[in-house]
Amino acid sequence: MKILLCSKYDLVGNMMLNIMLPRLAPHHEVTVILANRKRPETDAITELKWLSLFEQELPARLLFPLLDSMTARTTPAQPTAPWRSFAQLGEQHRVNIRTAGHIAHHSVLTAMVQEAAPDLIVSFQFGFIFKPEALAWAKRGGLNLHSGALPERAGVNPTFWCMKDGDREAACSLHWLTAHIDAGDIAAVRRMPIDYTRSFFANWIENYQNGAEMICEAVETIERGESLASTPQDPAAIRFVPKPTQDDYRAFFESGRRLIDPQDCLDLIARYLPPPGGSAP
């Protein structure tokens, strides 16, 4: 099966590909599109700039270039890290990984889908909308991983709102792509308890790791020729969370929540570095 994976050129998108490609690439012809949406609120809200530093800027400017430079100097006998950069993943799994930047017009994304000619589109952490003419090129349609429980937590950054509102659980939903945002039939929902002793970033990462497993399981179901059982959403039940404002982040902190601990990011980055004097797990 030809699969088009669409994600971000950031730490979370890379983490998910490190989980997914070893399971998908040996059995399918996989193409990857990486893009990053330029959101004006990122520059306007200090907390979003802080998150962007750890999620996007440091990996893109330091971590991934460092890993790629290490590849050129590493001999086959030397230990390798368990996780790899985008370039290393592409080479290891023989996958075409295309970096697209900010996709300014939907026709550009449609042309990319047409070029890939996939049987199935899978998007996660992507940020761009597939128009019907793009979805028409995917013979088996498209799936999107949403980092919230649908239909009650549609919209942007639902994990933040779960923690701000004191919910006991966060969730990921895998749903079919349609012309309407977060409105397609639900194929799976996986819930996880929120650990309030940890930061938003730590819970968010765990939620997306669960999502990577959901995607692999869904693709394996389709590969076996089985139907992916899906439940239609009631449009009247869909509730979109708003984009968090500076006041929302202030209330988040006043309730004792933490957005990110530097150790969270360091623990994740450690997965990309070979252990000194030993073999990678």
Foldseek 3Di string as FASTA:
>chain_A
DEEEEEAAQWLLVQVLCLVFLVLPLVPYQYEYEHEDADDPVCVVAPLSVVVCCLTPVCCVPPVQVVQVVVVVVDDPVDAFFSGHHPVVSCVVSVYHYHYDYHDPDLVVVLVVLLVSLELEYEYENHPDAHAPSSQVSHVNAYKYKDFADPQAEFAPDSLLVCLLVVHQKGKIWIFTHDNDGPQGWTLDIDIDGDDQVAASVLRSSVRSNVVSVVVSVQVVCVVVVHDRDTHGDDVVNHDYDDDDDNVSVVSSVVVPHHHHDVVSSVVSSSSRGADPPDHHD
